[in-house]
Amino acid sequence: MLMEIKTNIGTFGNFKDIEIYMRQERHSEINIYAIRAFMAEWEHLTGIYSYNEIKQVSDTKGVLEK
């Protein structure tokens, strides 16, 4: 899936990359500004998320791919 996630700490290709970066850099929260997948923009998913919330999304295999 082609995805772009813009945040306050950078732009990522998926939630697993965000989780890894947050763990390595010891970020507890992230502000997601924009999520684009297949040229669609999901503004209703923008906001501030904790590390645990990002980890939960990245551990849920295939949820966003359906």
N, C-alpha and C. Protein backbone atom coordinates (compact mmCIF):
# COMPACT_ATOMS: atom_id res chain seq x y z
N MET A 1 0.85 -1.18 0.00
CA MET A 1 0.00 0.00 0.00
C MET A 1 0.89 1.23 0.00
N LEU A 2 0.58 2.17 -0.86
CA LEU A 2 1.31 3.43 -0.93
C LEU A 2 0.72 4.38 0.10
N MET A 3 1.54 4.77 1.09
CA MET A 3 1.04 5.61 2.18
C MET A 3 2.06 6.67 2.52
N GLU A 4 1.57 7.83 2.93
CA GLU A 4 2.40 8.92 3.41
C GLU A 4 1.77 9.47 4.68
N ILE A 5 2.53 9.47 5.77
CA ILE A 5 2.04 9.97 7.05
C ILE A 5 2.93 11.13 7.47
N LYS A 6 2.38 12.35 7.48
CA LYS A 6 3.14 13.54 7.88
C LYS A 6 2.91 13.80 9.35
N THR A 7 4.01 13.99 10.09
CA THR A 7 3.94 14.20 11.54
C THR A 7 4.83 15.38 11.93
N ASN A 8 4.78 15.70 13.21
CA ASN A 8 5.64 16.78 13.73
C ASN A 8 7.11 16.37 13.79
N ILE A 9 7.43 15.09 13.63
CA ILE A 9 8.82 14.65 13.68
C ILE A 9 9.33 14.14 12.33
N GLY A 10 8.50 14.21 11.29
CA GLY A 10 8.94 13.79 9.96
C GLY A 10 7.81 13.14 9.17
N THR A 11 8.16 12.65 8.00
CA THR A 11 7.22 11.97 7.12
C THR A 11 7.60 10.50 7.06
N PHE A 12 6.60 9.63 7.19
CA PHE A 12 6.83 8.19 7.25
C PHE A 12 5.98 7.47 6.22
N GLY A 13 6.38 6.25 5.89
CA GLY A 13 5.66 5.44 4.92
C GLY A 13 4.65 4.50 5.52
N ASN A 14 4.76 4.23 6.84
CA ASN A 14 3.79 3.36 7.51
C ASN A 14 3.90 3.54 9.03
N PHE A 15 2.95 2.95 9.73
CA PHE A 15 2.90 3.10 11.18
C PHE A 15 4.02 2.34 11.88
N LYS A 16 4.50 1.26 11.30
CA LYS A 16 5.60 0.51 11.90
C LYS A 16 6.87 1.37 11.95
N ASP A 17 7.11 2.14 10.87
CA ASP A 17 8.27 3.05 10.87
C ASP A 17 8.14 4.10 11.97
N ILE A 18 6.92 4.60 12.18
CA ILE A 18 6.69 5.58 13.24
C ILE A 18 6.98 4.96 14.59
N GLU A 19 6.47 3.74 14.80
CA GLU A 19 6.68 3.06 16.08
C GLU A 19 8.18 2.87 16.36
N ILE A 20 8.91 2.41 15.37
CA ILE A 20 10.35 2.18 15.54
C ILE A 20 11.08 3.49 15.86
N TYR A 21 10.77 4.54 15.10
CA TYR A 21 11.40 5.84 15.33
C TYR A 21 11.08 6.37 16.73
N MET A 22 9.81 6.27 17.13
CA MET A 22 9.42 6.77 18.45
C MET A 22 10.14 6.00 19.55
N ARG A 23 10.29 4.69 19.39
CA ARG A 23 11.00 3.89 20.40
C ARG A 23 12.47 4.25 20.45
N GLN A 24 13.11 4.37 19.29
CA GLN A 24 14.54 4.67 19.25
C GLN A 24 14.87 6.07 19.77
N GLU A 25 14.03 7.03 19.43
CA GLU A 25 14.28 8.42 19.83
C GLU A 25 13.59 8.80 21.14
N ARG A 26 12.89 7.84 21.74
CA ARG A 26 12.20 8.00 23.03
C ARG A 26 11.15 9.11 23.01
N HIS A 27 10.34 9.13 21.94
CA HIS A 27 9.20 10.06 21.87
C HIS A 27 8.01 9.37 22.52
N SER A 28 7.27 10.10 23.35
CA SER A 28 6.08 9.52 23.99
C SER A 28 4.81 9.88 23.24
N GLU A 29 4.85 10.96 22.46
CA GLU A 29 3.68 11.39 21.68
C GLU A 29 4.12 11.86 20.31
N ILE A 30 3.16 11.81 19.40
CA ILE A 30 3.41 12.27 18.04
C ILE A 30 2.15 12.97 17.55
N ASN A 31 2.33 14.02 16.78
CA ASN A 31 1.19 14.73 16.21
C ASN A 31 1.14 14.41 14.72
N ILE A 32 0.09 13.71 14.30
CA ILE A 32 -0.08 13.35 12.90
C ILE A 32 -0.88 14.45 12.22
N TYR A 33 -0.27 15.07 11.21
CA TYR A 33 -0.91 16.18 10.48
C TYR A 33 -1.73 15.70 9.29
N ALA A 34 -1.24 14.68 8.60
CA ALA A 34 -1.93 14.22 7.40
C ALA A 34 -1.60 12.76 7.13
N ILE A 35 -2.60 12.03 6.65
CA ILE A 35 -2.41 10.64 6.23
C ILE A 35 -2.98 10.54 4.82
N ARG A 36 -2.13 10.08 3.90
CA ARG A 36 -2.57 9.89 2.52
C ARG A 36 -2.29 8.45 2.13
N ALA A 37 -3.28 7.81 1.53
CA ALA A 37 -3.12 6.45 1.02
C ALA A 37 -3.92 6.34 -0.27
N PHE A 38 -3.27 5.84 -1.30
CA PHE A 38 -3.92 5.72 -2.61
C PHE A 38 -4.54 7.04 -3.06
N MET A 39 -3.83 8.12 -2.82
CA MET A 39 -4.26 9.47 -3.23
C MET A 39 -5.45 10.00 -2.43
N ALA A 40 -5.96 9.26 -1.49
CA ALA A 40 -7.04 9.74 -0.62
C ALA A 40 -6.42 10.32 0.65
N GLU A 41 -7.04 11.35 1.19
CA GLU A 41 -6.53 11.98 2.41
C GLU A 41 -7.50 11.70 3.55
N TRP A 42 -6.99 11.22 4.67
CA TRP A 42 -7.81 10.85 5.82
C TRP A 42 -7.64 11.87 6.93
N GLU A 43 -8.30 13.01 6.80
CA GLU A 43 -8.16 14.09 7.78
C GLU A 43 -8.75 13.71 9.14
N HIS A 44 -9.75 12.86 9.16
CA HIS A 44 -10.39 12.50 10.43
C HIS A 44 -9.47 11.67 11.33
N LEU A 45 -8.35 11.18 10.82
CA LEU A 45 -7.41 10.41 11.63
C LEU A 45 -6.24 11.24 12.15
N THR A 46 -6.22 12.53 11.83
CA THR A 46 -5.13 13.37 12.31
C THR A 46 -5.32 13.67 13.80
N GLY A 47 -4.23 13.96 14.49
CA GLY A 47 -4.30 14.28 15.91
C GLY A 47 -3.05 13.81 16.63
N ILE A 48 -3.10 13.90 17.93
CA ILE A 48 -1.97 13.51 18.77
C ILE A 48 -2.19 12.09 19.27
N TYR A 49 -1.16 11.26 19.08
CA TYR A 49 -1.23 9.85 19.47
C TYR A 49 -0.05 9.50 20.37
N SER A 50 -0.27 8.62 21.32
CA SER A 50 0.80 8.15 22.20
C SER A 50 1.56 7.01 21.52
N TYR A 51 2.71 6.68 22.07
CA TYR A 51 3.49 5.55 21.55
C TYR A 51 2.67 4.27 21.57
N ASN A 52 1.94 4.03 22.66
CA ASN A 52 1.14 2.81 22.77
C ASN A 52 0.05 2.73 21.71
N GLU A 53 -0.54 3.86 21.36
CA GLU A 53 -1.56 3.88 20.31
C GLU A 53 -0.95 3.57 18.94
N ILE A 54 0.22 4.13 18.67
CA ILE A 54 0.91 3.85 17.41
C ILE A 54 1.33 2.39 17.36
N LYS A 55 1.83 1.86 18.46
CA LYS A 55 2.24 0.46 18.52
C LYS A 55 1.04 -0.46 18.28
N GLN A 56 -0.10 -0.12 18.84
CA GLN A 56 -1.31 -0.92 18.64
C GLN A 56 -1.71 -0.96 17.17
N VAL A 57 -1.60 0.16 16.48
CA VAL A 57 -1.93 0.20 15.05
C VAL A 57 -0.95 -0.63 14.24
N SER A 58 0.33 -0.50 14.54
CA SER A 58 1.34 -1.22 13.76
C SER A 58 1.32 -2.71 14.04
N ASP A 59 0.84 -3.12 15.21
CA ASP A 59 0.76 -4.55 15.55
C ASP A 59 -0.49 -5.21 14.98
N THR A 60 -1.41 -4.43 14.45
CA THR A 60 -2.65 -4.96 13.91
C THR A 60 -2.45 -5.18 12.42
N LYS A 61 -1.99 -6.36 12.07
CA LYS A 61 -1.61 -6.65 10.68
C LYS A 61 -2.81 -6.63 9.74
N GLY A 62 -2.68 -5.86 8.67
CA GLY A 62 -3.66 -5.87 7.62
C GLY A 62 -4.89 -5.02 7.80
N VAL A 63 -5.02 -4.32 8.91
CA VAL A 63 -6.24 -3.55 9.16
C VAL A 63 -6.43 -2.46 8.13
N LEU A 64 -5.39 -1.70 7.83
CA LEU A 64 -5.52 -0.60 6.87
C LEU A 64 -5.38 -1.07 5.42
N GLU A 65 -5.07 -2.32 5.21
CA GLU A 65 -4.86 -2.82 3.86
C GLU A 65 -6.11 -3.42 3.24
N LYS A 66 -7.20 -3.48 3.98
CA LYS A 66 -8.43 -4.08 3.45
C LYS A 66 -9.25 -3.09 2.68
